[in-house]
Amino acid sequence: MSRSILQDEKECFICKKPYGLHKHHVFGGANRKLSEKYGLWLWLCPYHHNMSDKGVHHDRELDLELKRYAQQRFEYERGTREDFIRIFGKNWL
């Protein structure tokens, strides 16, 4: 498993619960492996992942917030904005 560049602690990124965690790849689907490769994943509790309307898979604003944060971290630690767009195909900022 690659190291996440989005968080250091194994706890829900949103509420900080330390149990029942799901690994969430910020850029999923076709970009899931790239999220893994570049450390653009984080831990979420079931409530904030996919088990409520407040979960990232159902709350578009939370999804966009995490995508913007992940892109900012990528640009800080891994490469330029142009690199990000070349790899992930879109600018979220």
N, C-alpha and C. Protein backbone atom coordinates (compact mmCIF):
# COMPACT_ATOMS: atom_id res chain seq x y z
N MET A 1 0.85 -1.18 0.00
CA MET A 1 0.00 0.00 0.00
C MET A 1 0.89 1.24 0.00
N SER A 2 0.59 2.16 -0.86
CA SER A 2 1.35 3.41 -0.90
C SER A 2 0.96 4.29 0.29
N ARG A 3 1.84 5.18 0.66
CA ARG A 3 1.58 6.13 1.74
C ARG A 3 0.67 7.23 1.22
N SER A 4 -0.31 7.60 2.01
CA SER A 4 -1.18 8.72 1.67
C SER A 4 -0.42 10.02 1.89
N ILE A 5 -0.52 10.94 0.94
CA ILE A 5 0.05 12.28 1.15
C ILE A 5 -1.02 13.23 1.68
N LEU A 6 -2.21 12.69 1.96
CA LEU A 6 -3.33 13.52 2.41
C LEU A 6 -3.53 13.48 3.92
N GLN A 7 -3.06 12.43 4.58
CA GLN A 7 -3.20 12.34 6.02
C GLN A 7 -2.17 11.38 6.58
N ASP A 8 -1.80 11.59 7.83
CA ASP A 8 -0.81 10.76 8.49
C ASP A 8 -1.45 9.73 9.42
N GLU A 9 -2.53 10.08 10.07
CA GLU A 9 -3.18 9.20 11.04
C GLU A 9 -4.21 8.30 10.37
N LYS A 10 -4.34 7.08 10.90
CA LYS A 10 -5.38 6.18 10.41
C LYS A 10 -6.65 6.45 11.22
N GLU A 11 -7.40 7.44 10.73
CA GLU A 11 -8.65 7.87 11.33
C GLU A 11 -9.49 8.51 10.23
N CYS A 12 -10.79 8.63 10.46
CA CYS A 12 -11.63 9.29 9.47
C CYS A 12 -11.12 10.71 9.24
N PHE A 13 -10.89 11.04 7.99
CA PHE A 13 -10.39 12.36 7.62
C PHE A 13 -11.34 13.47 8.07
N ILE A 14 -12.64 13.17 8.12
CA ILE A 14 -13.66 14.16 8.45
C ILE A 14 -13.92 14.25 9.95
N CYS A 15 -14.25 13.12 10.59
CA CYS A 15 -14.69 13.15 11.99
C CYS A 15 -13.67 12.59 12.98
N LYS A 16 -12.59 12.03 12.48
CA LYS A 16 -11.48 11.51 13.30
C LYS A 16 -11.78 10.19 14.02
N LYS A 17 -12.89 9.51 13.70
CA LYS A 17 -13.14 8.20 14.30
C LYS A 17 -12.04 7.24 13.86
N PRO A 18 -11.55 6.40 14.78
CA PRO A 18 -10.42 5.53 14.45
C PRO A 18 -10.81 4.10 14.07
N TYR A 19 -12.08 3.82 13.89
CA TYR A 19 -12.50 2.43 13.65
C TYR A 19 -13.47 2.32 12.47
N GLY A 20 -13.56 1.11 11.93
CA GLY A 20 -14.49 0.84 10.84
C GLY A 20 -14.17 1.60 9.56
N LEU A 21 -12.92 1.85 9.32
CA LEU A 21 -12.52 2.76 8.25
C LEU A 21 -12.53 2.14 6.87
N HIS A 22 -12.84 2.96 5.89
CA HIS A 22 -12.79 2.59 4.47
C HIS A 22 -11.69 3.41 3.81
N LYS A 23 -10.95 2.80 2.92
CA LYS A 23 -9.93 3.53 2.15
C LYS A 23 -10.63 4.17 0.95
N HIS A 24 -10.55 5.49 0.85
CA HIS A 24 -11.19 6.22 -0.24
C HIS A 24 -10.14 6.79 -1.18
N HIS A 25 -10.20 6.39 -2.44
CA HIS A 25 -9.33 6.95 -3.47
C HIS A 25 -10.02 8.20 -4.00
N VAL A 26 -9.39 9.35 -3.81
CA VAL A 26 -10.03 10.62 -4.15
C VAL A 26 -10.39 10.67 -5.63
N PHE A 27 -9.53 10.16 -6.47
CA PHE A 27 -9.81 10.08 -7.89
C PHE A 27 -10.01 8.60 -8.21
N GLY A 28 -11.26 8.17 -8.26
CA GLY A 28 -11.57 6.76 -8.44
C GLY A 28 -11.80 6.42 -9.90
N GLY A 29 -12.53 5.35 -10.11
CA GLY A 29 -12.82 4.91 -11.47
C GLY A 29 -11.55 4.60 -12.23
N ALA A 30 -11.42 5.18 -13.40
CA ALA A 30 -10.24 4.95 -14.25
C ALA A 30 -8.95 5.47 -13.60
N ASN A 31 -9.07 6.39 -12.65
CA ASN A 31 -7.89 6.97 -12.00
C ASN A 31 -7.57 6.37 -10.64
N ARG A 32 -8.27 5.30 -10.27
CA ARG A 32 -8.07 4.67 -8.96
C ARG A 32 -6.61 4.25 -8.76
N LYS A 33 -6.03 3.60 -9.74
CA LYS A 33 -4.63 3.14 -9.60
C LYS A 33 -3.68 4.33 -9.51
N LEU A 34 -4.00 5.42 -10.21
CA LEU A 34 -3.17 6.62 -10.12
C LEU A 34 -3.29 7.26 -8.74
N SER A 35 -4.49 7.27 -8.16
CA SER A 35 -4.67 7.77 -6.80
C SER A 35 -3.81 6.97 -5.84
N GLU A 36 -3.79 5.67 -6.02
CA GLU A 36 -2.96 4.80 -5.18
C GLU A 36 -1.48 5.12 -5.39
N LYS A 37 -1.06 5.19 -6.61
CA LYS A 37 0.35 5.43 -6.95
C LYS A 37 0.87 6.75 -6.36
N TYR A 38 0.08 7.80 -6.44
CA TYR A 38 0.52 9.12 -6.00
C TYR A 38 0.10 9.46 -4.56
N GLY A 39 -0.50 8.50 -3.85
CA GLY A 39 -0.87 8.73 -2.45
C GLY A 39 -2.07 9.63 -2.26
N LEU A 40 -2.95 9.66 -3.25
CA LEU A 40 -4.13 10.53 -3.18
C LEU A 40 -5.35 9.73 -2.71
N TRP A 41 -5.22 9.20 -1.53
CA TRP A 41 -6.29 8.45 -0.87
C TRP A 41 -6.28 8.82 0.60
N LEU A 42 -7.41 8.53 1.26
CA LEU A 42 -7.52 8.82 2.68
C LEU A 42 -8.51 7.86 3.33
N TRP A 43 -8.52 7.87 4.64
CA TRP A 43 -9.44 7.03 5.41
C TRP A 43 -10.71 7.79 5.71
N LEU A 44 -11.85 7.10 5.55
CA LEU A 44 -13.15 7.66 5.92
C LEU A 44 -13.94 6.61 6.70
N CYS A 45 -14.71 7.07 7.68
CA CYS A 45 -15.64 6.16 8.36
C CYS A 45 -16.77 5.85 7.39
N PRO A 46 -17.54 4.79 7.64
CA PRO A 46 -18.63 4.46 6.72
C PRO A 46 -19.61 5.62 6.49
N TYR A 47 -19.90 6.38 7.54
CA TYR A 47 -20.83 7.50 7.42
C TYR A 47 -20.32 8.54 6.41
N HIS A 48 -19.05 8.85 6.47
CA HIS A 48 -18.49 9.87 5.58
C HIS A 48 -18.00 9.30 4.25
N HIS A 49 -18.07 7.98 4.10
CA HIS A 49 -17.66 7.38 2.83
C HIS A 49 -18.87 7.13 1.94
N ASN A 50 -19.68 6.14 2.30
CA ASN A 50 -20.78 5.78 1.39
C ASN A 50 -22.04 5.29 2.09
N MET A 51 -22.15 5.48 3.40
CA MET A 51 -23.29 4.94 4.13
C MET A 51 -24.29 6.01 4.60
N SER A 52 -24.16 7.22 4.06
CA SER A 52 -25.12 8.28 4.40
C SER A 52 -25.12 9.31 3.27
N ASP A 53 -26.10 10.19 3.31
CA ASP A 53 -26.14 11.26 2.31
C ASP A 53 -25.05 12.30 2.56
N LYS A 54 -24.35 12.20 3.68
CA LYS A 54 -23.21 13.08 3.98
C LYS A 54 -21.88 12.44 3.56
N GLY A 55 -21.95 11.25 3.01
CA GLY A 55 -20.74 10.56 2.56
C GLY A 55 -20.24 11.12 1.24
N VAL A 56 -18.95 10.98 1.00
CA VAL A 56 -18.31 11.56 -0.18
C VAL A 56 -18.93 11.04 -1.49
N HIS A 57 -19.45 9.82 -1.48
CA HIS A 57 -20.04 9.27 -2.70
C HIS A 57 -21.44 9.80 -2.98
N HIS A 58 -22.00 10.55 -2.02
CA HIS A 58 -23.35 11.11 -2.20
C HIS A 58 -23.40 12.62 -2.03
N ASP A 59 -22.33 13.21 -1.55
CA ASP A 59 -22.29 14.65 -1.28
C ASP A 59 -21.28 15.29 -2.24
N ARG A 60 -21.79 15.92 -3.29
CA ARG A 60 -20.93 16.47 -4.34
C ARG A 60 -19.98 17.54 -3.81
N GLU A 61 -20.43 18.35 -2.88
CA GLU A 61 -19.56 19.40 -2.32
C GLU A 61 -18.38 18.79 -1.57
N LEU A 62 -18.63 17.76 -0.79
CA LEU A 62 -17.54 17.08 -0.08
C LEU A 62 -16.59 16.44 -1.08
N ASP A 63 -17.13 15.81 -2.10
CA ASP A 63 -16.30 15.21 -3.15
C ASP A 63 -15.38 16.25 -3.80
N LEU A 64 -15.94 17.39 -4.16
CA LEU A 64 -15.14 18.45 -4.79
C LEU A 64 -14.11 19.03 -3.82
N GLU A 65 -14.48 19.18 -2.57
CA GLU A 65 -13.54 19.68 -1.56
C GLU A 65 -12.33 18.75 -1.44
N LEU A 66 -12.58 17.44 -1.41
CA LEU A 66 -11.48 16.48 -1.30
C LEU A 66 -10.64 16.46 -2.57
N LYS A 67 -11.26 16.59 -3.73
CA LYS A 67 -10.50 16.64 -4.98
C LYS A 67 -9.59 17.86 -5.04
N ARG A 68 -10.11 19.00 -4.61
CA ARG A 68 -9.29 20.22 -4.60
C ARG A 68 -8.13 20.07 -3.62
N TYR A 69 -8.40 19.54 -2.45
CA TYR A 69 -7.35 19.34 -1.45
C TYR A 69 -6.29 18.38 -1.98
N ALA A 70 -6.72 17.28 -2.60
CA ALA A 70 -5.78 16.30 -3.13
C ALA A 70 -4.91 16.91 -4.23
N GLN A 71 -5.50 17.71 -5.10
CA GLN A 71 -4.70 18.35 -6.14
C GLN A 71 -3.69 19.31 -5.53
N GLN A 72 -4.10 20.08 -4.54
CA GLN A 72 -3.17 21.00 -3.88
C GLN A 72 -1.99 20.24 -3.26
N ARG A 73 -2.27 19.13 -2.59
CA ARG A 73 -1.20 18.33 -1.98
C ARG A 73 -0.29 17.73 -3.05
N PHE A 74 -0.87 17.28 -4.15
CA PHE A 74 -0.06 16.75 -5.26
C PHE A 74 0.89 17.84 -5.75
N GLU A 75 0.36 19.03 -5.98
CA GLU A 75 1.18 20.12 -6.50
C GLU A 75 2.25 20.54 -5.51
N TYR A 76 1.99 20.41 -4.23
CA TYR A 76 2.97 20.76 -3.21
C TYR A 76 4.08 19.70 -3.09
N GLU A 77 3.68 18.42 -3.18
CA GLU A 77 4.63 17.33 -2.91
C GLU A 77 5.14 16.57 -4.12
N ARG A 78 4.37 16.57 -5.21
CA ARG A 78 4.70 15.64 -6.30
C ARG A 78 5.01 16.28 -7.64
N GLY A 79 4.46 17.44 -7.94
CA GLY A 79 4.68 18.01 -9.27
C GLY A 79 3.92 19.29 -9.49
N THR A 80 3.90 19.72 -10.70
CA THR A 80 3.26 20.98 -11.07
C THR A 80 1.78 20.77 -11.40
N ARG A 81 1.07 21.86 -11.58
CA ARG A 81 -0.32 21.78 -12.02
C ARG A 81 -0.41 21.11 -13.39
N GLU A 82 0.55 21.44 -14.26
CA GLU A 82 0.58 20.83 -15.59
C GLU A 82 0.78 19.31 -15.48
N ASP A 83 1.64 18.89 -14.55
CA ASP A 83 1.84 17.45 -14.30
C ASP A 83 0.52 16.82 -13.87
N PHE A 84 -0.17 17.46 -12.93
CA PHE A 84 -1.43 16.92 -12.42
C PHE A 84 -2.44 16.76 -13.55
N ILE A 85 -2.59 17.79 -14.35
CA ILE A 85 -3.56 17.75 -15.45
C ILE A 85 -3.18 16.67 -16.46
N ARG A 86 -1.90 16.54 -16.75
CA ARG A 86 -1.45 15.50 -17.69
C ARG A 86 -1.76 14.11 -17.15
N ILE A 87 -1.57 13.91 -15.86
CA ILE A 87 -1.78 12.59 -15.27
C ILE A 87 -3.26 12.30 -15.05
N PHE A 88 -4.00 13.26 -14.48
CA PHE A 88 -5.40 13.02 -14.08
C PHE A 88 -6.43 13.57 -15.06
N GLY A 89 -5.98 14.36 -16.05
CA GLY A 89 -6.87 14.79 -17.11
C GLY A 89 -7.77 15.95 -16.82
N LYS A 90 -7.61 16.58 -15.63
CA LYS A 90 -8.51 17.68 -15.29
C LYS A 90 -7.88 18.52 -14.20
N ASN A 91 -8.23 19.80 -14.19
CA ASN A 91 -7.82 20.72 -13.14
C ASN A 91 -9.01 20.95 -12.23
N TRP A 92 -8.88 20.65 -10.95
CA TRP A 92 -9.97 20.82 -9.99
C TRP A 92 -9.88 22.13 -9.23
N LEU A 93 -8.82 22.91 -9.48
CA LEU A 93 -8.64 24.17 -8.73
C LEU A 93 -9.14 25.37 -9.52
